């Protein structure tokens, strides 16, 4: 059996144009919205997600760097298509 992708809690680089402030920035994946906005599901378990689908909407939190250099996820969420989120180089 194929292992699920590590999606929830992973860091990706936002490459889209809908959120210019986030372009090129690391973001934390919080949830995947799958299906119609009116009757779809919000997934937060990699086993249920399996792999990202082209029509999924990925909910993300931008990283915030505090004045002391500490990095934390923002409290404000945004969304992106899977093709707008790249796995950062190792």
PDB file of N, CA and C in Angstrom:
ATOM      1  N   UNK A   1       0.848  -1.189   0.000  1.00  0.00           N
ATOM      2  CA  UNK A   1       0.000   0.000   0.000  1.00  0.00           C
ATOM      3  C   UNK A   1       0.889   1.247   0.000  1.00  0.00           C
ATOM      4  N   UNK A   2       0.544   2.193  -0.849  1.00  0.00           N
ATOM      5  CA  UNK A   2       1.306   3.426  -0.970  1.00  0.00           C
ATOM      6  C   UNK A   2       1.082   4.320   0.251  1.00  0.00           C
ATOM      7  N   UNK A   3       2.172   4.883   0.767  1.00  0.00           N
ATOM      8  CA  UNK A   3       2.080   5.802   1.898  1.00  0.00           C
ATOM      9  C   UNK A   3       1.455   7.118   1.438  1.00  0.00           C
ATOM     10  N   UNK A   4       0.601   7.732   2.270  1.00  0.00           N
ATOM     11  CA  UNK A   4       0.036   9.029   1.887  1.00  0.00           C
ATOM     12  C   UNK A   4       1.116  10.106   1.891  1.00  0.00           C
ATOM     13  N   UNK A   5       0.905  11.130   1.079  1.00  0.00           N
ATOM     14  CA  UNK A   5       1.792  12.289   1.085  1.00  0.00           C
ATOM     15  C   UNK A   5       1.677  12.977   2.439  1.00  0.00           C
ATOM     16  N   UNK A   6       2.791  13.562   2.885  1.00  0.00           N
ATOM     17  CA  UNK A   6       2.732  14.400   4.094  1.00  0.00           C
ATOM     18  C   UNK A   6       2.276  15.783   3.632  1.00  0.00           C
ATOM     19  N   UNK A   7       1.038  16.121   3.920  1.00  0.00           N
ATOM     20  CA  UNK A   7       0.452  17.384   3.464  1.00  0.00           C
ATOM     21  C   UNK A   7       0.149  18.281   4.660  1.00  0.00           C
ATOM     22  N   UNK A   8      -0.711  17.803   5.567  1.00  0.00           N
ATOM     23  CA  UNK A   8      -1.121  18.615   6.715  1.00  0.00           C
ATOM     24  C   UNK A   8       0.095  18.846   7.619  1.00  0.00           C
ATOM     25  N   UNK A   9       0.344  20.118   7.923  1.00  0.00           N
ATOM     26  CA  UNK A   9       1.486  20.472   8.755  1.00  0.00           C
ATOM     27  C   UNK A   9       2.781  20.632   7.985  1.00  0.00           C
ATOM     28  N   UNK A  10       2.743  20.406   6.671  1.00  0.00           N
ATOM     29  CA  UNK A  10       3.966  20.569   5.882  1.00  0.00           C
ATOM     30  C   UNK A  10       4.136  22.028   5.462  1.00  0.00           C
ATOM     31  N   UNK A  11       5.363  22.386   5.168  1.00  0.00           N
ATOM     32  CA  UNK A  11       5.664  23.723   4.675  1.00  0.00           C
ATOM     33  C   UNK A  11       5.833  23.657   3.164  1.00  0.00           C
ATOM     34  N   UNK A  12       5.202  24.572   2.465  1.00  0.00           N
ATOM     35  CA  UNK A  12       5.321  24.704   1.009  1.00  0.00           C
ATOM     36  C   UNK A  12       5.675  26.154   0.707  1.00  0.00           C
ATOM     37  N   UNK A  13       6.087  26.402  -0.508  1.00  0.00           N
ATOM     38  CA  UNK A  13       6.360  27.760  -0.971  1.00  0.00           C
ATOM     39  C   UNK A  13       5.197  28.181  -1.859  1.00  0.00           C
ATOM     40  N   UNK A  14       4.573  29.308  -1.522  1.00  0.00           N
ATOM     41  CA  UNK A  14       3.453  29.814  -2.317  1.00  0.00           C
ATOM     42  C   UNK A  14       4.002  30.466  -3.582  1.00  0.00           C
ATOM     43  N   UNK A  15       3.505  30.038  -4.743  1.00  0.00           N
ATOM     44  CA  UNK A  15       3.974  30.561  -6.032  1.00  0.00           C
ATOM     45  C   UNK A  15       2.863  31.204  -6.853  1.00  0.00           C
ATOM     46  N   UNK A  16       1.675  31.321  -6.297  1.00  0.00           N
ATOM     47  CA  UNK A  16       0.532  31.848  -7.034  1.00  0.00           C
ATOM     48  C   UNK A  16       0.532  33.363  -7.139  1.00  0.00           C
ATOM     49  N   UNK A  17      -0.502  33.882  -7.788  1.00  0.00           N
ATOM     50  CA  UNK A  17      -0.653  35.327  -7.988  1.00  0.00           C
ATOM     51  C   UNK A  17      -1.825  35.923  -7.224  1.00  0.00           C
ATOM     52  N   UNK A  18      -2.697  35.091  -6.673  1.00  0.00           N
ATOM     53  CA  UNK A  18      -3.883  35.602  -5.972  1.00  0.00           C
ATOM     54  C   UNK A  18      -3.542  36.335  -4.688  1.00  0.00           C
ATOM     55  N   UNK A  19      -2.437  35.959  -4.056  1.00  0.00           N
ATOM     56  CA  UNK A  19      -2.004  36.573  -2.804  1.00  0.00           C
ATOM     57  C   UNK A  19      -0.575  37.093  -3.008  1.00  0.00           C
ATOM     58  N   UNK A  20      -0.413  38.264  -3.644  1.00  0.00           N
ATOM     59  CA  UNK A  20       0.937  38.769  -3.952  1.00  0.00           C
ATOM     60  C   UNK A  20       1.840  38.888  -2.728  1.00  0.00           C
ATOM     61  N   UNK A  21       1.276  39.180  -1.570  1.00  0.00           N
ATOM     62  CA  UNK A  21       2.050  39.318  -0.348  1.00  0.00           C
ATOM     63  C   UNK A  21       2.708  38.003   0.071  1.00  0.00           C
ATOM     64  N   UNK A  22       2.158  36.864  -0.377  1.00  0.00           N
ATOM     65  CA  UNK A  22       2.682  35.555   0.024  1.00  0.00           C
ATOM     66  C   UNK A  22       3.609  34.932  -1.013  1.00  0.00           C
ATOM     67  N   UNK A  23       3.674  35.511  -2.203  1.00  0.00           N
ATOM     68  CA  UNK A  23       4.449  34.905  -3.292  1.00  0.00           C
ATOM     69  C   UNK A  23       5.914  34.713  -2.888  1.00  0.00           C
ATOM     70  N   UNK A  24       6.384  33.494  -3.048  1.00  0.00           N
ATOM     71  CA  UNK A  24       7.758  33.153  -2.716  1.00  0.00           C
ATOM     72  C   UNK A  24       7.994  32.876  -1.251  1.00  0.00           C
ATOM     73  N   UNK A  25       6.945  32.966  -0.443  1.00  0.00           N
ATOM     74  CA  UNK A  25       7.078  32.808   1.010  1.00  0.00           C
ATOM     75  C   UNK A  25       6.705  31.381   1.452  1.00  0.00           C
ATOM     76  N   UNK A  26       7.321  30.906   2.541  1.00  0.00           N
ATOM     77  CA  UNK A  26       6.909  29.608   3.086  1.00  0.00           C
ATOM     78  C   UNK A  26       5.550  29.731   3.774  1.00  0.00           C
ATOM     79  N   UNK A  27       4.734  28.706   3.594  1.00  0.00           N
ATOM     80  CA  UNK A  27       3.411  28.663   4.216  1.00  0.00           C
ATOM     81  C   UNK A  27       3.192  27.278   4.810  1.00  0.00           C
ATOM     82  N   UNK A  28       2.366  27.218   5.852  1.00  0.00           N
ATOM     83  CA  UNK A  28       2.053  25.969   6.535  1.00  0.00           C
ATOM     84  C   UNK A  28       0.687  25.482   6.069  1.00  0.00           C
ATOM     85  N   UNK A  29       0.601  24.232   5.625  1.00  0.00           N
ATOM     86  CA  UNK A  29      -0.667  23.673   5.155  1.00  0.00           C
ATOM     87  C   UNK A  29      -1.502  23.246   6.362  1.00  0.00           C
ATOM     88  N   UNK A  30      -2.738  23.762   6.423  1.00  0.00           N
ATOM     89  CA  UNK A  30      -3.619  23.476   7.562  1.00  0.00           C
ATOM     90  C   UNK A  30      -4.768  22.532   7.202  1.00  0.00           C
ATOM     91  N   UNK A  31      -5.310  22.625   5.978  1.00  0.00           N
ATOM     92  CA  UNK A  31      -6.459  21.791   5.611  1.00  0.00           C
ATOM     93  C   UNK A  31      -6.586  21.734   4.096  1.00  0.00           C
ATOM     94  N   UNK A  32      -7.347  20.759   3.640  1.00  0.00           N
ATOM     95  CA  UNK A  32      -7.670  20.632   2.219  1.00  0.00           C
ATOM     96  C   UNK A  32      -9.189  20.616   2.098  1.00  0.00           C
ATOM     97  N   UNK A  33      -9.705  21.528   1.281  1.00  0.00           N
ATOM     98  CA  UNK A  33     -11.142  21.596   1.008  1.00  0.00           C
ATOM     99  C   UNK A  33     -11.375  20.847  -0.298  1.00  0.00           C
ATOM    100  N   UNK A  34     -12.219  19.826  -0.243  1.00  0.00           N
ATOM    101  CA  UNK A  34     -12.450  18.978  -1.414  1.00  0.00           C
ATOM    102  C   UNK A  34     -13.937  18.944  -1.730  1.00  0.00           C
ATOM    103  N   UNK A  35     -14.246  19.153  -2.992  1.00  0.00           N
ATOM    104  CA  UNK A  35     -15.640  19.103  -3.432  1.00  0.00           C
ATOM    105  C   UNK A  35     -16.252  20.487  -3.521  1.00  0.00           C
ATOM    106  N   UNK A  36     -17.524  20.512  -3.808  1.00  0.00           N
ATOM    107  CA  UNK A  36     -18.296  21.739  -3.961  1.00  0.00           C
ATOM    108  C   UNK A  36     -18.264  22.543  -2.661  1.00  0.00           C
ATOM    109  N   UNK A  37     -18.114  23.867  -2.748  1.00  0.00           N
ATOM    110  CA  UNK A  37     -18.084  24.678  -1.510  1.00  0.00           C
ATOM    111  C   UNK A  37     -19.324  24.510  -0.632  1.00  0.00           C
ATOM    112  N   UNK A  38     -20.466  24.173  -1.235  1.00  0.00           N
ATOM    113  CA  UNK A  38     -21.691  24.032  -0.450  1.00  0.00           C
ATOM    114  C   UNK A  38     -21.813  22.686   0.245  1.00  0.00           C
ATOM    115  N   UNK A  39     -21.288  21.625  -0.357  1.00  0.00           N
ATOM    116  CA  UNK A  39     -21.446  20.303   0.264  1.00  0.00           C
ATOM    117  C   UNK A  39     -20.166  19.471   0.235  1.00  0.00           C
ATOM    118  N   UNK A  40     -19.030  20.123   0.083  1.00  0.00           N
ATOM    119  CA  UNK A  40     -17.753  19.428   0.107  1.00  0.00           C
ATOM    120  C   UNK A  40     -17.310  19.131   1.530  1.00  0.00           C
ATOM    121  N   UNK A  41     -16.076  18.659   1.656  1.00  0.00           N
ATOM    122  CA  UNK A  41     -15.543  18.316   2.973  1.00  0.00           C
ATOM    123  C   UNK A  41     -14.233  19.062   3.214  1.00  0.00           C
ATOM    124  N   UNK A  42     -13.932  19.277   4.480  1.00  0.00           N
ATOM    125  CA  UNK A  42     -12.661  19.868   4.888  1.00  0.00           C
ATOM    126  C   UNK A  42     -11.854  18.743   5.520  1.00  0.00           C
ATOM    127  N   UNK A  43     -10.718  18.433   4.911  1.00  0.00           N
ATOM    128  CA  UNK A  43      -9.890  17.318   5.342  1.00  0.00           C
ATOM    129  C   UNK A  43      -8.655  17.814   6.085  1.00  0.00           C
ATOM    130  N   UNK A  44      -8.359  17.187   7.211  1.00  0.00           N
ATOM    131  CA  UNK A  44      -7.173  17.544   7.993  1.00  0.00           C
ATOM    132  C   UNK A  44      -6.348  16.308   8.345  1.00  0.00           C
ATOM    133  N   UNK A  45      -6.580  15.209   7.653  1.00  0.00           N
ATOM    134  CA  UNK A  45      -5.875  13.952   7.901  1.00  0.00           C
ATOM    135  C   UNK A  45      -5.275  13.477   6.577  1.00  0.00           C
ATOM    136  N   UNK A  46      -3.954  13.301   6.557  1.00  0.00           N
ATOM    137  CA  UNK A  46      -3.281  12.863   5.336  1.00  0.00           C
ATOM    138  C   UNK A  46      -3.834  11.549   4.800  1.00  0.00           C
ATOM    139  N   UNK A  47      -4.254  10.645   5.688  1.00  0.00           N
ATOM    140  CA  UNK A  47      -4.807   9.366   5.229  1.00  0.00           C
ATOM    141  C   UNK A  47      -6.090   9.564   4.431  1.00  0.00           C
ATOM    142  N   UNK A  48      -6.903  10.530   4.835  1.00  0.00           N
ATOM    143  CA  UNK A  48      -8.150  10.806   4.106  1.00  0.00           C
ATOM    144  C   UNK A  48      -7.886  11.597   2.827  1.00  0.00           C
ATOM    145  N   UNK A  49      -6.858  12.421   2.835  1.00  0.00           N
ATOM    146  CA  UNK A  49      -6.529  13.227   1.652  1.00  0.00           C
ATOM    147  C   UNK A  49      -5.920  12.351   0.570  1.00  0.00           C
ATOM    148  N   UNK A  50      -5.021  11.466   0.958  1.00  0.00           N
ATOM    149  CA  UNK A  50      -4.308  10.658  -0.024  1.00  0.00           C
ATOM    150  C   UNK A  50      -3.323  11.527  -0.780  1.00  0.00           C
ATOM    151  N   UNK A  51      -3.732  12.023  -1.920  1.00  0.00           N
ATOM    152  CA  UNK A  51      -2.936  12.950  -2.722  1.00  0.00           C
ATOM    153  C   UNK A  51      -3.785  14.164  -3.045  1.00  0.00           C
ATOM    154  N   UNK A  52      -3.128  15.293  -3.225  1.00  0.00           N
ATOM    155  CA  UNK A  52      -3.851  16.502  -3.627  1.00  0.00           C
ATOM    156  C   UNK A  52      -4.423  16.317  -5.020  1.00  0.00           C
ATOM    157  N   UNK A  53      -5.656  16.765  -5.194  1.00  0.00           N
ATOM    158  CA  UNK A  53      -6.344  16.699  -6.480  1.00  0.00           C
ATOM    159  C   UNK A  53      -6.342  18.087  -7.111  1.00  0.00           C
ATOM    160  N   UNK A  54      -6.351  18.175  -8.439  1.00  0.00           N
ATOM    161  CA  UNK A  54      -6.298  19.491  -9.098  1.00  0.00           C
ATOM    162  C   UNK A  54      -7.395  20.460  -8.660  1.00  0.00           C
ATOM    163  N   UNK A  55      -8.572  19.949  -8.298  1.00  0.00           N
ATOM    164  CA  UNK A  55      -9.679  20.820  -7.902  1.00  0.00           C
ATOM    165  C   UNK A  55      -9.729  21.114  -6.406  1.00  0.00           C
ATOM    166  N   UNK A  56      -8.800  20.566  -5.630  1.00  0.00           N
ATOM    167  CA  UNK A  56      -8.753  20.855  -4.198  1.00  0.00           C
ATOM    168  C   UNK A  56      -8.410  22.323  -3.968  1.00  0.00           C
ATOM    169  N   UNK A  57      -8.849  22.831  -2.849  1.00  0.00           N
ATOM    170  CA  UNK A  57      -8.421  24.148  -2.363  1.00  0.00           C
ATOM    171  C   UNK A  57      -7.645  23.881  -1.081  1.00  0.00           C
ATOM    172  N   UNK A  58      -6.411  24.385  -1.042  1.00  0.00           N
ATOM    173  CA  UNK A  58      -5.531  24.134   0.094  1.00  0.00           C
ATOM    174  C   UNK A  58      -5.522  25.361   0.998  1.00  0.00           C
ATOM    175  N   UNK A  59      -5.875  25.156   2.246  1.00  0.00           N
ATOM    176  CA  UNK A  59      -5.880  26.234   3.242  1.00  0.00           C
ATOM    177  C   UNK A  59      -4.479  26.323   3.853  1.00  0.00           C
ATOM    178  N   UNK A  60      -3.910  27.535   3.848  1.00  0.00           N
ATOM    179  CA  UNK A  60      -2.559  27.686   4.384  1.00  0.00           C
ATOM    180  C   UNK A  60      -2.444  28.869   5.326  1.00  0.00           C
ATOM    181  N   UNK A  61      -1.425  28.796   6.177  1.00  0.00           N
ATOM    182  CA  UNK A  61      -1.092  29.868   7.110  1.00  0.00           C
ATOM    183  C   UNK A  61       0.298  30.378   6.744  1.00  0.00           C
ATOM    184  N   UNK A  62       0.438  31.679   6.500  1.00  0.00           N
ATOM    185  CA  UNK A  62       1.779  32.189   6.228  1.00  0.00           C
ATOM    186  C   UNK A  62       2.635  32.129   7.485  1.00  0.00           C
ATOM    187  N   UNK A  63       3.939  32.043   7.285  1.00  0.00           N
ATOM    188  CA  UNK A  63       4.873  32.094   8.416  1.00  0.00           C
ATOM    189  C   UNK A  63       5.089  33.550   8.801  1.00  0.00           C
ATOM    190  N   UNK A  64       5.099  33.812  10.088  1.00  0.00           N
ATOM    191  CA  UNK A  64       5.354  35.144  10.632  1.00  0.00           C
ATOM    192  C   UNK A  64       6.676  35.090  11.386  1.00  0.00           C
ATOM    193  N   UNK A  65       7.561  36.036  11.119  1.00  0.00           N
ATOM    194  CA  UNK A  65       8.807  36.129  11.873  1.00  0.00           C
ATOM    195  C   UNK A  65       8.660  37.245  12.897  1.00  0.00           C
ATOM    196  N   UNK A  66       8.751  36.869  14.169  1.00  0.00           N
ATOM    197  CA  UNK A  66       8.636  37.824  15.268  1.00  0.00           C
ATOM    198  C   UNK A  66       9.911  38.667  15.363  1.00  0.00           C
ATOM    199  N   UNK A  67       9.852  39.821  16.054  1.00  0.00           N
ATOM    200  CA  UNK A  67      11.042  40.676  16.194  1.00  0.00           C
ATOM    201  C   UNK A  67      12.265  39.956  16.779  1.00  0.00           C
ATOM    202  N   UNK A  68      12.020  38.934  17.616  1.00  0.00           N
ATOM    203  CA  UNK A  68      13.155  38.205  18.197  1.00  0.00           C
ATOM    204  C   UNK A  68      13.676  37.096  17.289  1.00  0.00           C
ATOM    205  N   UNK A  69      13.097  36.982  16.075  1.00  0.00           N
ATOM    206  CA  UNK A  69      13.543  35.971  15.120  1.00  0.00           C
ATOM    207  C   UNK A  69      12.763  34.673  15.168  1.00  0.00           C
ATOM    208  N   UNK A  70      11.886  34.520  16.146  1.00  0.00           N
ATOM    209  CA  UNK A  70      11.055  33.329  16.250  1.00  0.00           C
ATOM    210  C   UNK A  70      10.079  33.289  15.073  1.00  0.00           C
ATOM    211  N   UNK A  71       9.926  32.117  14.466  1.00  0.00           N
ATOM    212  CA  UNK A  71       8.985  31.944  13.354  1.00  0.00           C
ATOM    213  C   UNK A  71       7.797  31.135  13.860  1.00  0.00           C
ATOM    214  N   UNK A  72       6.602  31.617  13.509  1.00  0.00           N
ATOM    215  CA  UNK A  72       5.374  30.926  13.899  1.00  0.00           C
ATOM    216  C   UNK A  72       4.364  31.049  12.777  1.00  0.00           C
ATOM    217  N   UNK A  73       3.369  30.152  12.724  1.00  0.00           N
ATOM    218  CA  UNK A  73       2.310  30.318  11.726  1.00  0.00           C
ATOM    219  C   UNK A  73       1.388  31.469  12.108  1.00  0.00           C
ATOM    220  N   UNK A  74       0.915  32.192  11.124  1.00  0.00           N
ATOM    221  CA  UNK A  74      -0.042  33.268  11.353  1.00  0.00           C
ATOM    222  C   UNK A  74      -1.367  32.681  11.821  1.00  0.00           C
ATOM    223  N   UNK A  75      -2.185  33.510  12.444  1.00  0.00           N
ATOM    224  CA  UNK A  75      -3.539  33.108  12.824  1.00  0.00           C
ATOM    225  C   UNK A  75      -4.509  33.271  11.663  1.00  0.00           C
ATOM    226  N   UNK A  76      -4.083  33.954  10.609  1.00  0.00           N
ATOM    227  CA  UNK A  76      -4.948  34.248   9.470  1.00  0.00           C
ATOM    228  C   UNK A  76      -4.683  33.239   8.359  1.00  0.00           C
ATOM    229  N   UNK A  77      -5.730  32.584   7.875  1.00  0.00           N
ATOM    230  CA  UNK A  77      -5.594  31.582   6.825  1.00  0.00           C
ATOM    231  C   UNK A  77      -5.915  32.176   5.455  1.00  0.00           C
ATOM    232  N   UNK A  78      -5.281  31.610   4.440  1.00  0.00           N
ATOM    233  CA  UNK A  78      -5.565  31.937   3.048  1.00  0.00           C
ATOM    234  C   UNK A  78      -5.718  30.621   2.299  1.00  0.00           C
ATOM    235  N   UNK A  79      -5.992  30.702   0.998  1.00  0.00           N
ATOM    236  CA  UNK A  79      -6.197  29.478   0.232  1.00  0.00           C
ATOM    237  C   UNK A  79      -5.456  29.534  -1.098  1.00  0.00           C
ATOM    238  N   UNK A  80      -5.187  28.359  -1.630  1.00  0.00           N
ATOM    239  CA  UNK A  80      -4.473  28.246  -2.904  1.00  0.00           C
ATOM    240  C   UNK A  80      -4.867  26.952  -3.601  1.00  0.00           C
ATOM    241  N   UNK A  81      -4.621  26.915  -4.892  1.00  0.00           N
ATOM    242  CA  UNK A  81      -4.748  25.667  -5.645  1.00  0.00           C
ATOM    243  C   UNK A  81      -3.480  24.841  -5.394  1.00  0.00           C
ATOM    244  N   UNK A  82      -3.562  23.534  -5.510  1.00  0.00           N
ATOM    245  CA  UNK A  82      -2.367  22.713  -5.280  1.00  0.00           C
ATOM    246  C   UNK A  82      -1.179  23.102  -6.162  1.00  0.00           C
ATOM    247  N   UNK A  83      -1.431  23.527  -7.392  1.00  0.00           N
ATOM    248  CA  UNK A  83      -0.318  23.869  -8.284  1.00  0.00           C
ATOM    249  C   UNK A  83       0.359  25.188  -7.906  1.00  0.00           C
ATOM    250  N   UNK A  84      -0.193  25.913  -6.921  1.00  0.00           N
ATOM    251  CA  UNK A  84       0.422  27.159  -6.453  1.00  0.00           C
ATOM    252  C   UNK A  84       1.316  26.943  -5.233  1.00  0.00           C
ATOM    253  N   UNK A  85       1.465  25.695  -4.822  1.00  0.00           N
ATOM    254  CA  UNK A  85       2.247  25.376  -3.627  1.00  0.00           C
ATOM    255  C   UNK A  85       3.329  24.370  -3.986  1.00  0.00           C
ATOM    256  N   UNK A  86       4.564  24.785  -3.845  1.00  0.00           N
ATOM    257  CA  UNK A  86       5.697  23.943  -4.207  1.00  0.00           C
ATOM    258  C   UNK A  86       6.395  23.434  -2.950  1.00  0.00           C
ATOM    259  N   UNK A  87       6.863  22.202  -3.014  1.00  0.00           N
ATOM    260  CA  UNK A  87       7.658  21.651  -1.919  1.00  0.00           C
ATOM    261  C   UNK A  87       9.016  22.341  -1.958  1.00  0.00           C
ATOM    262  N   UNK A  88       9.446  22.896  -0.824  1.00  0.00           N
ATOM    263  CA  UNK A  88      10.736  23.602  -0.823  1.00  0.00           C
ATOM    264  C   UNK A  88      11.902  22.631  -1.053  1.00  0.00           C
ATOM    265  N   UNK A  89      12.986  23.145  -1.634  1.00  0.00           N
ATOM    266  CA  UNK A  89      14.156  22.264  -1.821  1.00  0.00           C
ATOM    267  C   UNK A  89      14.710  21.823  -0.469  1.00  0.00           C
ATOM    268  N   UNK A  90      15.232  20.631  -0.451  1.00  0.00           N
ATOM    269  CA  UNK A  90      15.770  20.075   0.817  1.00  0.00           C
ATOM    270  C   UNK A  90      17.060  20.755   1.225  1.00  0.00           C
TER     271      UNK A  90
END
